[in-house]
Amino acid sequence: MGLPILSVPEENACGCVDRAAAEGSQCICSTTGLVQIMGRKYAVRLLFLIGERGSMRFGDLQSEIEDMSSSTLSIRLSELEGTGLVRRQVFPEIPPRVEYTLTKEGKDIRKSLFALSKFASRK
């Protein structure tokens, strides 16, 4: 799958990692993958819903976001799980039960999004 989305690349096309080490500046290239995932429709909304409730089942999420198809929900949850922001837990029951919770990183991103929201709404 390549580099995890939340990791810093060792090298990149713009060379800013090398410049950051030499000049003491900061590189933001590693945020590209995260911004791509978070910019997808419903991704932020899912993070807020799951974080607000602690854990949610697929059907509960689908009920909360009525304008979202089940295939899109499945894809978004899979993407968020792949980035390490959401944890999918399968319970060995009949019928199977699956719950989604935020990881520590997911909770941290959610807090950062609140700060961005506050910044965006300032007058």
PDB file of N, CA and C in Angstrom:
ATOM      1  N   MET A   1       0.821  -1.188   0.000  1.00  0.00           N
ATOM      2  CA  MET A   1       0.000   0.000   0.000  1.00  0.00           C
ATOM      3  C   MET A   1       0.870   1.259   0.000  1.00  0.00           C
ATOM      4  N   GLY A   2       2.179   1.151   0.133  1.00  0.00           N
ATOM      5  CA  GLY A   2       3.027   2.331   0.130  1.00  0.00           C
ATOM      6  C   GLY A   2       3.167   2.921   1.515  1.00  0.00           C
ATOM      7  N   LEU A   3       3.490   4.194   1.558  1.00  0.00           N
ATOM      8  CA  LEU A   3       3.642   4.880   2.831  1.00  0.00           C
ATOM      9  C   LEU A   3       2.294   5.108   3.490  1.00  0.00           C
ATOM     10  N   PRO A   4       2.231   4.956   4.813  1.00  0.00           N
ATOM     11  CA  PRO A   4       0.993   5.323   5.502  1.00  0.00           C
ATOM     12  C   PRO A   4       0.721   6.806   5.286  1.00  0.00           C
ATOM     13  N   ILE A   5      -0.533   7.174   5.217  1.00  0.00           N
ATOM     14  CA  ILE A   5      -0.910   8.552   4.908  1.00  0.00           C
ATOM     15  C   ILE A   5      -0.397   9.543   5.935  1.00  0.00           C
ATOM     16  N   LEU A   6      -0.291   9.152   7.187  1.00  0.00           N
ATOM     17  CA  LEU A   6       0.106  10.096   8.222  1.00  0.00           C
ATOM     18  C   LEU A   6       1.603  10.088   8.493  1.00  0.00           C
ATOM     19  N   SER A   7       2.395   9.498   7.600  1.00  0.00           N
ATOM     20  CA  SER A   7       3.836   9.469   7.826  1.00  0.00           C
ATOM     21  C   SER A   7       4.522  10.552   6.998  1.00  0.00           C
ATOM     22  N   VAL A   8       5.728  10.891   7.373  1.00  0.00           N
ATOM     23  CA  VAL A   8       6.518  11.872   6.632  1.00  0.00           C
ATOM     24  C   VAL A   8       7.345  11.115   5.602  1.00  0.00           C
ATOM     25  N   PRO A   9       7.248  11.486   4.334  1.00  0.00           N
ATOM     26  CA  PRO A   9       8.032  10.785   3.309  1.00  0.00           C
ATOM     27  C   PRO A   9       9.515  11.057   3.492  1.00  0.00           C
ATOM     28  N   GLU A  10      10.336  10.055   3.167  1.00  0.00           N
ATOM     29  CA  GLU A  10      11.775  10.246   3.294  1.00  0.00           C
ATOM     30  C   GLU A  10      12.302  11.153   2.195  1.00  0.00           C
ATOM     31  N   GLU A  11      11.695  11.074   1.026  1.00  0.00           N
ATOM     32  CA  GLU A  11      12.059  11.980  -0.047  1.00  0.00           C
ATOM     33  C   GLU A  11      10.806  12.288  -0.848  1.00  0.00           C
ATOM     34  N   ASN A  12      10.794  13.395  -1.515  1.00  0.00           N
ATOM     35  CA  ASN A  12       9.629  13.772  -2.288  1.00  0.00           C
ATOM     36  C   ASN A  12      10.055  14.577  -3.503  1.00  0.00           C
ATOM     37  N   ALA A  13       9.101  14.818  -4.386  1.00  0.00           N
ATOM     38  CA  ALA A  13       9.400  15.477  -5.650  1.00  0.00           C
ATOM     39  C   ALA A  13       9.911  16.902  -5.466  1.00  0.00           C
ATOM     40  N   CYS A  14       9.393  17.606  -4.481  1.00  0.00           N
ATOM     41  CA  CYS A  14       9.799  19.012  -4.329  1.00  0.00           C
ATOM     42  C   CYS A  14      11.094  19.171  -3.541  1.00  0.00           C
ATOM     43  N   GLY A  15      11.525  18.130  -2.864  1.00  0.00           N
ATOM     44  CA  GLY A  15      12.768  18.207  -2.121  1.00  0.00           C
ATOM     45  C   GLY A  15      12.688  18.995  -0.842  1.00  0.00           C
ATOM     46  N   CYS A  16      11.491  19.280  -0.359  1.00  0.00           N
ATOM     47  CA  CYS A  16      11.370  20.132   0.822  1.00  0.00           C
ATOM     48  C   CYS A  16      11.886  19.447   2.089  1.00  0.00           C
ATOM     49  N   VAL A  17      11.933  18.113   2.115  1.00  0.00           N
ATOM     50  CA  VAL A  17      12.493  17.440   3.281  1.00  0.00           C
ATOM     51  C   VAL A  17      13.967  17.804   3.405  1.00  0.00           C
ATOM     52  N   ASP A  18      14.670  17.799   2.277  1.00  0.00           N
ATOM     53  CA  ASP A  18      16.081  18.189   2.284  1.00  0.00           C
ATOM     54  C   ASP A  18      16.240  19.660   2.668  1.00  0.00           C
ATOM     55  N   ARG A  19      15.381  20.533   2.121  1.00  0.00           N
ATOM     56  CA  ARG A  19      15.450  21.958   2.450  1.00  0.00           C
ATOM     57  C   ARG A  19      15.137  22.198   3.918  1.00  0.00           C
ATOM     58  N   ALA A  20      14.165  21.438   4.455  1.00  0.00           N
ATOM     59  CA  ALA A  20      13.777  21.623   5.851  1.00  0.00           C
ATOM     60  C   ALA A  20      14.947  21.316   6.769  1.00  0.00           C
ATOM     61  N   ALA A  21      15.675  20.249   6.447  1.00  0.00           N
ATOM     62  CA  ALA A  21      16.821  19.886   7.277  1.00  0.00           C
ATOM     63  C   ALA A  21      17.921  20.951   7.173  1.00  0.00           C
ATOM     64  N   ALA A  22      18.122  21.476   5.966  1.00  0.00           N
ATOM     65  CA  ALA A  22      19.196  22.447   5.751  1.00  0.00           C
ATOM     66  C   ALA A  22      18.837  23.839   6.261  1.00  0.00           C
ATOM     67  N   GLU A  23      17.602  24.254   6.074  1.00  0.00           N
ATOM     68  CA  GLU A  23      17.218  25.628   6.385  1.00  0.00           C
ATOM     69  C   GLU A  23      16.429  25.769   7.679  1.00  0.00           C
ATOM     70  N   GLY A  24      16.046  24.666   8.300  1.00  0.00           N
ATOM     71  CA  GLY A  24      15.269  24.729   9.525  1.00  0.00           C
ATOM     72  C   GLY A  24      13.799  25.036   9.293  1.00  0.00           C
ATOM     73  N   SER A  25      13.336  24.995   8.035  1.00  0.00           N
ATOM     74  CA  SER A  25      11.921  25.253   7.758  1.00  0.00           C
ATOM     75  C   SER A  25      11.134  23.947   7.902  1.00  0.00           C
ATOM     76  N   GLN A  26       9.824  24.055   7.830  1.00  0.00           N
ATOM     77  CA  GLN A  26       8.983  22.879   8.003  1.00  0.00           C
ATOM     78  C   GLN A  26       8.445  22.409   6.658  1.00  0.00           C
ATOM     79  N   CYS A  27       8.293  21.103   6.516  1.00  0.00           N
ATOM     80  CA  CYS A  27       7.756  20.505   5.303  1.00  0.00           C
ATOM     81  C   CYS A  27       6.299  20.113   5.551  1.00  0.00           C
ATOM     82  N   ILE A  28       5.424  20.441   4.617  1.00  0.00           N
ATOM     83  CA  ILE A  28       4.028  20.033   4.755  1.00  0.00           C
ATOM     84  C   ILE A  28       3.625  19.029   3.678  1.00  0.00           C
ATOM     85  N   CYS A  29       4.570  18.519   2.922  1.00  0.00           N
ATOM     86  CA  CYS A  29       4.257  17.566   1.856  1.00  0.00           C
ATOM     87  C   CYS A  29       3.563  16.315   2.380  1.00  0.00           C
ATOM     88  N   SER A  30       3.860  15.925   3.597  1.00  0.00           N
ATOM     89  CA  SER A  30       3.278  14.702   4.149  1.00  0.00           C
ATOM     90  C   SER A  30       1.777  14.838   4.396  1.00  0.00           C
ATOM     91  N   THR A  31       1.254  16.050   4.381  1.00  0.00           N
ATOM     92  CA  THR A  31      -0.181  16.241   4.608  1.00  0.00           C
ATOM     93  C   THR A  31      -1.007  16.023   3.348  1.00  0.00           C
ATOM     94  N   THR A  32      -0.356  15.890   2.206  1.00  0.00           N
ATOM     95  CA  THR A  32      -1.074  15.767   0.942  1.00  0.00           C
ATOM     96  C   THR A  32      -2.060  14.606   0.955  1.00  0.00           C
ATOM     97  N   GLY A  33      -1.617  13.431   1.353  1.00  0.00           N
ATOM     98  CA  GLY A  33      -2.499  12.267   1.386  1.00  0.00           C
ATOM     99  C   GLY A  33      -3.644  12.440   2.355  1.00  0.00           C
ATOM    100  N   LEU A  34      -3.358  13.016   3.500  1.00  0.00           N
ATOM    101  CA  LEU A  34      -4.396  13.241   4.505  1.00  0.00           C
ATOM    102  C   LEU A  34      -5.446  14.218   3.991  1.00  0.00           C
ATOM    103  N   VAL A  35      -5.002  15.286   3.347  1.00  0.00           N
ATOM    104  CA  VAL A  35      -5.938  16.271   2.803  1.00  0.00           C
ATOM    105  C   VAL A  35      -6.803  15.638   1.713  1.00  0.00           C
ATOM    106  N   GLN A  36      -6.216  14.769   0.908  1.00  0.00           N
ATOM    107  CA  GLN A  36      -6.988  14.098  -0.141  1.00  0.00           C
ATOM    108  C   GLN A  36      -8.101  13.237   0.468  1.00  0.00           C
ATOM    109  N   ILE A  37      -7.794  12.499   1.529  1.00  0.00           N
ATOM    110  CA  ILE A  37      -8.812  11.660   2.169  1.00  0.00           C
ATOM    111  C   ILE A  37      -9.844  12.520   2.884  1.00  0.00           C
ATOM    112  N   MET A  38      -9.402  13.507   3.653  1.00  0.00           N
ATOM    113  CA  MET A  38     -10.328  14.338   4.431  1.00  0.00           C
ATOM    114  C   MET A  38     -11.183  15.234   3.534  1.00  0.00           C
ATOM    115  N   GLY A  39     -10.706  15.500   2.328  1.00  0.00           N
ATOM    116  CA  GLY A  39     -11.454  16.328   1.401  1.00  0.00           C
ATOM    117  C   GLY A  39     -12.566  15.581   0.679  1.00  0.00           C
ATOM    118  N   ARG A  40     -12.614  14.286   0.837  1.00  0.00           N
ATOM    119  CA  ARG A  40     -13.659  13.508   0.171  1.00  0.00           C
ATOM    120  C   ARG A  40     -14.999  13.728   0.868  1.00  0.00           C
ATOM    121  N   LYS A  41     -16.044  13.672   0.070  1.00  0.00           N
ATOM    122  CA  LYS A  41     -17.386  13.901   0.591  1.00  0.00           C
ATOM    123  C   LYS A  41     -17.683  12.935   1.728  1.00  0.00           C
ATOM    124  N   TYR A  42     -18.214  13.433   2.809  1.00  0.00           N
ATOM    125  CA  TYR A  42     -18.654  12.722   4.000  1.00  0.00           C
ATOM    126  C   TYR A  42     -17.532  12.326   4.960  1.00  0.00           C
ATOM    127  N   ALA A  43     -16.257  12.429   4.593  1.00  0.00           N
ATOM    128  CA  ALA A  43     -15.183  11.954   5.467  1.00  0.00           C
ATOM    129  C   ALA A  43     -15.166  12.696   6.805  1.00  0.00           C
ATOM    130  N   VAL A  44     -15.216  14.010   6.761  1.00  0.00           N
ATOM    131  CA  VAL A  44     -15.187  14.798   8.001  1.00  0.00           C
ATOM    132  C   VAL A  44     -16.450  14.529   8.805  1.00  0.00           C
ATOM    133  N   ARG A  45     -17.563  14.452   8.126  1.00  0.00           N
ATOM    134  CA  ARG A  45     -18.828  14.180   8.809  1.00  0.00           C
ATOM    135  C   ARG A  45     -18.790  12.841   9.544  1.00  0.00           C
ATOM    136  N   LEU A  46     -18.196  11.829   8.918  1.00  0.00           N
ATOM    137  CA  LEU A  46     -18.066  10.524   9.566  1.00  0.00           C
ATOM    138  C   LEU A  46     -17.175  10.612  10.807  1.00  0.00           C
ATOM    139  N   LEU A  47     -16.072  11.336  10.707  1.00  0.00           N
ATOM    140  CA  LEU A  47     -15.186  11.494  11.871  1.00  0.00           C
ATOM    141  C   LEU A  47     -15.915  12.152  13.033  1.00  0.00           C
ATOM    142  N   PHE A  48     -16.700  13.177  12.741  1.00  0.00           N
ATOM    143  CA  PHE A  48     -17.429  13.859  13.804  1.00  0.00           C
ATOM    144  C   PHE A  48     -18.507  12.963  14.406  1.00  0.00           C
ATOM    145  N   LEU A  49     -19.249  12.244  13.575  1.00  0.00           N
ATOM    146  CA  LEU A  49     -20.304  11.364  14.091  1.00  0.00           C
ATOM    147  C   LEU A  49     -19.742  10.245  14.965  1.00  0.00           C
ATOM    148  N   ILE A  50     -18.733   9.564  14.456  1.00  0.00           N
ATOM    149  CA  ILE A  50     -18.151   8.449  15.206  1.00  0.00           C
ATOM    150  C   ILE A  50     -17.525   8.959  16.499  1.00  0.00           C
ATOM    151  N   GLY A  51     -16.831  10.094  16.423  1.00  0.00           N
ATOM    152  CA  GLY A  51     -16.218  10.670  17.616  1.00  0.00           C
ATOM    153  C   GLY A  51     -17.240  11.116  18.645  1.00  0.00           C
ATOM    154  N   GLU A  52     -18.349  11.642  18.175  1.00  0.00           N
ATOM    155  CA  GLU A  52     -19.404  12.108  19.076  1.00  0.00           C
ATOM    156  C   GLU A  52     -20.054  10.951  19.819  1.00  0.00           C
ATOM    157  N   ARG A  53     -20.265   9.849  19.146  1.00  0.00           N
ATOM    158  CA  ARG A  53     -20.962   8.708  19.736  1.00  0.00           C
ATOM    159  C   ARG A  53     -20.031   7.687  20.398  1.00  0.00           C
ATOM    160  N   GLY A  54     -18.753   7.766  20.120  1.00  0.00           N
ATOM    161  CA  GLY A  54     -17.811   6.804  20.700  1.00  0.00           C
ATOM    162  C   GLY A  54     -17.608   5.600  19.802  1.00  0.00           C
ATOM    163  N   SER A  55     -18.683   4.947  19.429  1.00  0.00           N
ATOM    164  CA  SER A  55     -18.628   3.860  18.457  1.00  0.00           C
ATOM    165  C   SER A  55     -19.973   3.794  17.751  1.00  0.00           C
ATOM    166  N   MET A  56     -19.917   3.372  16.486  1.00  0.00           N
ATOM    167  CA  MET A  56     -21.153   3.281  15.706  1.00  0.00           C
ATOM    168  C   MET A  56     -21.106   2.075  14.787  1.00  0.00           C
ATOM    169  N   ARG A  57     -22.269   1.532  14.542  1.00  0.00           N
ATOM    170  CA  ARG A  57     -22.407   0.431  13.597  1.00  0.00           C
ATOM    171  C   ARG A  57     -22.724   1.002  12.221  1.00  0.00           C
ATOM    172  N   PHE A  58     -22.494   0.188  11.191  1.00  0.00           N
ATOM    173  CA  PHE A  58     -22.696   0.609   9.813  1.00  0.00           C
ATOM    174  C   PHE A  58     -24.114   1.146   9.596  1.00  0.00           C
ATOM    175  N   GLY A  59     -25.101   0.405  10.044  1.00  0.00           N
ATOM    176  CA  GLY A  59     -26.499   0.807   9.858  1.00  0.00           C
ATOM    177  C   GLY A  59     -26.832   2.110  10.551  1.00  0.00           C
ATOM    178  N   ASP A  60     -26.240   2.332  11.718  1.00  0.00           N
ATOM    179  CA  ASP A  60     -26.464   3.593  12.440  1.00  0.00           C
ATOM    180  C   ASP A  60     -25.874   4.775  11.667  1.00  0.00           C
ATOM    181  N   LEU A  61     -24.684   4.562  11.106  1.00  0.00           N
ATOM    182  CA  LEU A  61     -24.064   5.615  10.300  1.00  0.00           C
ATOM    183  C   LEU A  61     -24.910   5.907   9.069  1.00  0.00           C
ATOM    184  N   GLN A  62     -25.406   4.846   8.451  1.00  0.00           N
ATOM    185  CA  GLN A  62     -26.227   5.015   7.251  1.00  0.00           C
ATOM    186  C   GLN A  62     -27.517   5.769   7.572  1.00  0.00           C
ATOM    187  N   SER A  63     -28.080   5.509   8.726  1.00  0.00           N
ATOM    188  CA  SER A  63     -29.302   6.212   9.146  1.00  0.00           C
ATOM    189  C   SER A  63     -29.039   7.690   9.410  1.00  0.00           C
ATOM    190  N   GLU A  64     -27.878   7.999   9.953  1.00  0.00           N
ATOM    191  CA  GLU A  64     -27.526   9.382  10.277  1.00  0.00           C
ATOM    192  C   GLU A  64     -27.257  10.224   9.032  1.00  0.00           C
ATOM    193  N   ILE A  65     -26.677   9.598   8.010  1.00  0.00           N
ATOM    194  CA  ILE A  65     -26.327  10.319   6.781  1.00  0.00           C
ATOM    195  C   ILE A  65     -27.180   9.733   5.656  1.00  0.00           C
ATOM    196  N   GLU A  66     -28.408  10.161   5.597  1.00  0.00           N
ATOM    197  CA  GLU A  66     -29.395   9.570   4.693  1.00  0.00           C
ATOM    198  C   GLU A  66     -29.066   9.756   3.218  1.00  0.00           C
ATOM    199  N   ASP A  67     -28.379  10.841   2.863  1.00  0.00           N
ATOM    200  CA  ASP A  67     -28.085  11.092   1.452  1.00  0.00           C
ATOM    201  C   ASP A  67     -26.837  10.361   0.952  1.00  0.00           C
ATOM    202  N   MET A  68     -26.281   9.478   1.766  1.00  0.00           N
ATOM    203  CA  MET A  68     -25.077   8.740   1.413  1.00  0.00           C
ATOM    204  C   MET A  68     -25.438   7.298   1.089  1.00  0.00           C
ATOM    205  N   SER A  69     -24.966   6.804  -0.051  1.00  0.00           N
ATOM    206  CA  SER A  69     -25.261   5.416  -0.415  1.00  0.00           C
ATOM    207  C   SER A  69     -24.437   4.467   0.444  1.00  0.00           C
ATOM    208  N   SER A  70     -24.884   3.236   0.558  1.00  0.00           N
ATOM    209  CA  SER A  70     -24.159   2.254   1.372  1.00  0.00           C
ATOM    210  C   SER A  70     -22.789   1.941   0.773  1.00  0.00           C
ATOM    211  N   SER A  71     -22.674   1.980  -0.549  1.00  0.00           N
ATOM    212  CA  SER A  71     -21.365   1.711  -1.158  1.00  0.00           C
ATOM    213  C   SER A  71     -20.383   2.843  -0.864  1.00  0.00           C
ATOM    214  N   THR A  72     -20.860   4.097  -0.909  1.00  0.00           N
ATOM    215  CA  THR A  72     -19.990   5.228  -0.580  1.00  0.00           C
ATOM    216  C   THR A  72     -19.586   5.177   0.888  1.00  0.00           C
ATOM    217  N   LEU A  73     -20.524   4.835   1.763  1.00  0.00           N
ATOM    218  CA  LEU A  73     -20.219   4.712   3.190  1.00  0.00           C
ATOM    219  C   LEU A  73     -19.146   3.649   3.404  1.00  0.00           C
ATOM    220  N   SER A  74     -19.300   2.534   2.754  1.00  0.00           N
ATOM    221  CA  SER A  74     -18.323   1.450   2.882  1.00  0.00           C
ATOM    222  C   SER A  74     -16.940   1.894   2.412  1.00  0.00           C
ATOM    223  N   ILE A  75     -16.893   2.607   1.294  1.00  0.00           N
ATOM    224  CA  ILE A  75     -15.618   3.092   0.756  1.00  0.00           C
ATOM    225  C   ILE A  75     -14.983   4.099   1.718  1.00  0.00           C
ATOM    226  N   ARG A  76     -15.752   5.069   2.209  1.00  0.00           N
ATOM    227  CA  ARG A  76     -15.205   6.081   3.115  1.00  0.00           C
ATOM    228  C   ARG A  76     -14.684   5.453   4.399  1.00  0.00           C
ATOM    229  N   LEU A  77     -15.449   4.528   4.963  1.00  0.00           N
ATOM    230  CA  LEU A  77     -14.999   3.860   6.189  1.00  0.00           C
ATOM    231  C   LEU A  77     -13.715   3.082   5.938  1.00  0.00           C
ATOM    232  N   SER A  78     -13.631   2.444   4.801  1.00  0.00           N
ATOM    233  CA  SER A  78     -12.425   1.693   4.447  1.00  0.00           C
ATOM    234  C   SER A  78     -11.226   2.632   4.288  1.00  0.00           C
ATOM    235  N   GLU A  79     -11.437   3.787   3.658  1.00  0.00           N
ATOM    236  CA  GLU A  79     -10.360   4.772   3.501  1.00  0.00           C
ATOM    237  C   GLU A  79      -9.906   5.300   4.862  1.00  0.00           C
ATOM    238  N   LEU A  80     -10.858   5.629   5.706  1.00  0.00           N
ATOM    239  CA  LEU A  80     -10.513   6.154   7.032  1.00  0.00           C
ATOM    240  C   LEU A  80      -9.824   5.087   7.877  1.00  0.00           C
ATOM    241  N   GLU A  81     -10.228   3.847   7.708  1.00  0.00           N
ATOM    242  CA  GLU A  81      -9.555   2.749   8.403  1.00  0.00           C
ATOM    243  C   GLU A  81      -8.132   2.586   7.865  1.00  0.00           C
ATOM    244  N   GLY A  82      -7.982   2.692   6.555  1.00  0.00           N
ATOM    245  CA  GLY A  82      -6.661   2.567   5.931  1.00  0.00           C
ATOM    246  C   GLY A  82      -5.677   3.633   6.370  1.00  0.00           C
ATOM    247  N   THR A  83      -6.182   4.808   6.700  1.00  0.00           N
ATOM    248  CA  THR A  83      -5.311   5.895   7.163  1.00  0.00           C
ATOM    249  C   THR A  83      -4.981   5.773   8.644  1.00  0.00           C
ATOM    250  N   GLY A  84      -5.686   4.883   9.336  1.00  0.00           N
ATOM    251  CA  GLY A  84      -5.448   4.727  10.766  1.00  0.00           C
ATOM    252  C   GLY A  84      -6.262   5.677  11.618  1.00  0.00           C
ATOM    253  N   LEU A  85      -7.284   6.322  11.031  1.00  0.00           N
ATOM    254  CA  LEU A  85      -8.110   7.250  11.794  1.00  0.00           C
ATOM    255  C   LEU A  85      -9.319   6.571  12.420  1.00  0.00           C
ATOM    256  N   VAL A  86      -9.766   5.476  11.808  1.00  0.00           N
ATOM    257  CA  VAL A  86     -10.934   4.730  12.286  1.00  0.00           C
ATOM    258  C   VAL A  86     -10.535   3.276  12.485  1.00  0.00           C
ATOM    259  N   ARG A  87     -11.047   2.691  13.547  1.00  0.00           N
ATOM    260  CA  ARG A  87     -10.811   1.272  13.838  1.00  0.00           C
ATOM    261  C   ARG A  87     -12.112   0.511  13.582  1.00  0.00           C
ATOM    262  N   ARG A  88     -12.009  -0.576  12.859  1.00  0.00           N
ATOM    263  CA  ARG A  88     -13.155  -1.446  12.569  1.00  0.00           C
ATOM    264  C   ARG A  88     -13.010  -2.694  13.421  1.00  0.00           C
ATOM    265  N   GLN A  89     -14.000  -2.951  14.265  1.00  0.00           N
ATOM    266  CA  GLN A  89     -13.950  -4.128  15.127  1.00  0.00           C
ATOM    267  C   GLN A  89     -15.106  -5.057  14.785  1.00  0.00           C
ATOM    268  N   VAL A  90     -14.751  -6.303  14.464  1.00  0.00           N
ATOM    269  CA  VAL A  90     -15.738  -7.321  14.120  1.00  0.00           C
ATOM    270  C   VAL A  90     -15.920  -8.222  15.333  1.00  0.00           C
ATOM    271  N   PHE A  91     -17.163  -8.392  15.738  1.00  0.00           N
ATOM    272  CA  PHE A  91     -17.477  -9.261  16.868  1.00  0.00           C
ATOM    273  C   PHE A  91     -17.935 -10.613  16.338  1.00  0.00           C
ATOM    274  N   PRO A  92     -17.379 -11.696  16.877  1.00  0.00           N
ATOM    275  CA  PRO A  92     -17.722 -13.036  16.388  1.00  0.00           C
ATOM    276  C   PRO A  92     -19.096 -13.492  16.896  1.00  0.00           C
ATOM    277  N   GLU A  93     -20.126 -12.906  16.351  1.00  0.00           N
ATOM    278  CA  GLU A  93     -21.489 -13.207  16.747  1.00  0.00           C
ATOM    279  C   GLU A  93     -22.294 -13.577  15.499  1.00  0.00           C
ATOM    280  N   ILE A  94     -23.442 -14.144  15.719  1.00  0.00           N
ATOM    281  CA  ILE A  94     -24.368 -14.411  14.621  1.00  0.00           C
ATOM    282  C   ILE A  94     -25.658 -13.681  14.945  1.00  0.00           C
ATOM    283  N   PRO A  95     -26.097 -12.725  14.128  1.00  0.00           N
ATOM    284  CA  PRO A  95     -25.413 -12.218  12.930  1.00  0.00           C
ATOM    285  C   PRO A  95     -24.183 -11.399  13.313  1.00  0.00           C
ATOM    286  N   PRO A  96     -23.239 -11.280  12.384  1.00  0.00           N
ATOM    287  CA  PRO A  96     -22.005 -10.545  12.680  1.00  0.00           C
ATOM    288  C   PRO A  96     -22.299  -9.099  13.054  1.00  0.00           C
ATOM    289  N   ARG A  97     -21.513  -8.591  13.983  1.00  0.00           N
ATOM    290  CA  ARG A  97     -21.648  -7.198  14.415  1.00  0.00           C
ATOM    291  C   ARG A  97     -20.315  -6.513  14.178  1.00  0.00           C
ATOM    292  N   VAL A  98     -20.364  -5.346  13.543  1.00  0.00           N
ATOM    293  CA  VAL A  98     -19.161  -4.558  13.268  1.00  0.00           C
ATOM    294  C   VAL A  98     -19.379  -3.166  13.835  1.00  0.00           C
ATOM    295  N   GLU A  99     -18.395  -2.673  14.580  1.00  0.00           N
ATOM    296  CA  GLU A  99     -18.461  -1.324  15.138  1.00  0.00           C
ATOM    297  C   GLU A  99     -17.238  -0.532  14.709  1.00  0.00           C
ATOM    298  N   TYR A 100     -17.453   0.747  14.510  1.00  0.00           N
ATOM    299  CA  TYR A 100     -16.389   1.663  14.113  1.00  0.00           C
ATOM    300  C   TYR A 100     -16.151   2.659  15.236  1.00  0.00           C
ATOM    301  N   THR A 101     -14.876   2.844  15.589  1.00  0.00           N
ATOM    302  CA  THR A 101     -14.476   3.813  16.605  1.00  0.00           C
ATOM    303  C   THR A 101     -13.297   4.621  16.063  1.00  0.00           C
ATOM    304  N   LEU A 102     -13.055   5.777  16.661  1.00  0.00           N
ATOM    305  CA  LEU A 102     -11.888   6.564  16.280  1.00  0.00           C
ATOM    306  C   LEU A 102     -10.659   6.038  17.001  1.00  0.00           C
ATOM    307  N   THR A 103      -9.548   6.027  16.308  1.00  0.00           N
ATOM    308  CA  THR A 103      -8.271   5.712  16.932  1.00  0.00           C
ATOM    309  C   THR A 103      -7.775   6.973  17.640  1.00  0.00           C
ATOM    310  N   LYS A 104      -6.662   6.878  18.313  1.00  0.00           N
ATOM    311  CA  LYS A 104      -6.081   8.060  18.957  1.00  0.00           C
ATOM    312  C   LYS A 104      -5.798   9.132  17.904  1.00  0.00           C
ATOM    313  N   GLU A 105      -5.267   8.713  16.752  1.00  0.00           N
ATOM    314  CA  GLU A 105      -4.982   9.662  15.676  1.00  0.00           C
ATOM    315  C   GLU A 105      -6.271  10.299  15.154  1.00  0.00           C
ATOM    316  N   GLY A 106      -7.331   9.500  15.060  1.00  0.00           N
ATOM    317  CA  GLY A 106      -8.623  10.021  14.627  1.00  0.00           C
ATOM    318  C   GLY A 106      -9.160  11.065  15.588  1.00  0.00           C
ATOM    319  N   LYS A 107      -8.988  10.801  16.878  1.00  0.00           N
ATOM    320  CA  LYS A 107      -9.430  11.774  17.888  1.00  0.00           C
ATOM    321  C   LYS A 107      -8.606  13.054  17.801  1.00  0.00           C
ATOM    322  N   ASP A 108      -7.304  12.894  17.554  1.00  0.00           N
ATOM    323  CA  ASP A 108      -6.434  14.072  17.419  1.00  0.00           C
ATOM    324  C   ASP A 108      -6.822  14.909  16.202  1.00  0.00           C
ATOM    325  N   ILE A 109      -7.083  14.248  15.079  1.00  0.00           N
ATOM    326  CA  ILE A 109      -7.498  14.967  13.866  1.00  0.00           C
ATOM    327  C   ILE A 109      -8.817  15.679  14.113  1.00  0.00           C
ATOM    328  N   ARG A 110      -9.727  15.008  14.786  1.00  0.00           N
ATOM    329  CA  ARG A 110     -11.041  15.592  15.084  1.00  0.00           C
ATOM    330  C   ARG A 110     -10.879  16.872  15.912  1.00  0.00           C
ATOM    331  N   LYS A 111      -9.999  16.836  16.914  1.00  0.00           N
ATOM    332  CA  LYS A 111      -9.734  18.037  17.716  1.00  0.00           C
ATOM    333  C   LYS A 111      -9.142  19.152  16.855  1.00  0.00           C
ATOM    334  N   SER A 112      -8.246  18.788  15.960  1.00  0.00           N
ATOM    335  CA  SER A 112      -7.642  19.777  15.072  1.00  0.00           C
ATOM    336  C   SER A 112      -8.689  20.392  14.149  1.00  0.00           C
ATOM    337  N   LEU A 113      -9.647  19.584  13.716  1.00  0.00           N
ATOM    338  CA  LEU A 113     -10.712  20.092  12.852  1.00  0.00           C
ATOM    339  C   LEU A 113     -11.598  21.092  13.591  1.00  0.00           C
ATOM    340  N   PHE A 114     -11.807  20.867  14.883  1.00  0.00           N
ATOM    341  CA  PHE A 114     -12.556  21.842  15.683  1.00  0.00           C
ATOM    342  C   PHE A 114     -11.805  23.170  15.708  1.00  0.00           C
ATOM    343  N   ALA A 115     -10.487  23.106  15.870  1.00  0.00           N
ATOM    344  CA  ALA A 115      -9.679  24.326  15.887  1.00  0.00           C
ATOM    345  C   ALA A 115      -9.741  25.032  14.532  1.00  0.00           C
ATOM    346  N   LEU A 116      -9.686  24.274  13.438  1.00  0.00           N
ATOM    347  CA  LEU A 116      -9.801  24.868  12.110  1.00  0.00           C
ATOM    348  C   LEU A 116     -11.172  25.509  11.910  1.00  0.00           C
ATOM    349  N   SER A 117     -12.200  24.852  12.413  1.00  0.00           N
ATOM    350  CA  SER A 117     -13.554  25.383  12.301  1.00  0.00           C
ATOM    351  C   SER A 117     -13.674  26.706  13.051  1.00  0.00           C
ATOM    352  N   LYS A 118     -13.077  26.754  14.230  1.00  0.00           N
ATOM    353  CA  LYS A 118     -13.098  27.984  15.022  1.00  0.00           C
ATOM    354  C   LYS A 118     -12.365  29.103  14.273  1.00  0.00           C
ATOM    355  N   PHE A 119     -11.223  28.747  13.687  1.00  0.00           N
ATOM    356  CA  PHE A 119     -10.464  29.725  12.917  1.00  0.00           C
ATOM    357  C   PHE A 119     -11.269  30.220  11.714  1.00  0.00           C
ATOM    358  N   ALA A 120     -11.933  29.306  10.997  1.00  0.00           N
ATOM    359  CA  ALA A 120     -12.693  29.656   9.808  1.00  0.00           C
ATOM    360  C   ALA A 120     -13.900  30.522  10.109  1.00  0.00           C
ATOM    361  N   SER A 121     -14.481  30.365  11.304  1.00  0.00           N
ATOM    362  CA  SER A 121     -15.691  31.109  11.631  1.00  0.00           C
ATOM    363  C   SER A 121     -15.431  32.423  12.362  1.00  0.00           C
ATOM    364  N   ARG A 122     -14.158  32.763  12.559  1.00  0.00           N
ATOM    365  CA  ARG A 122     -13.856  34.019  13.239  1.00  0.00           C
ATOM    366  C   ARG A 122     -14.242  35.196  12.362  1.00  0.00           C
ATOM    367  N   LYS A 123     -14.514  36.317  12.989  1.00  0.00           N
ATOM    368  CA  LYS A 123     -14.952  37.500  12.232  1.00  0.00           C
ATOM    369  C   LYS A 123     -13.916  38.558  12.210  1.00  0.00           C
TER     370      LYS A 123
END
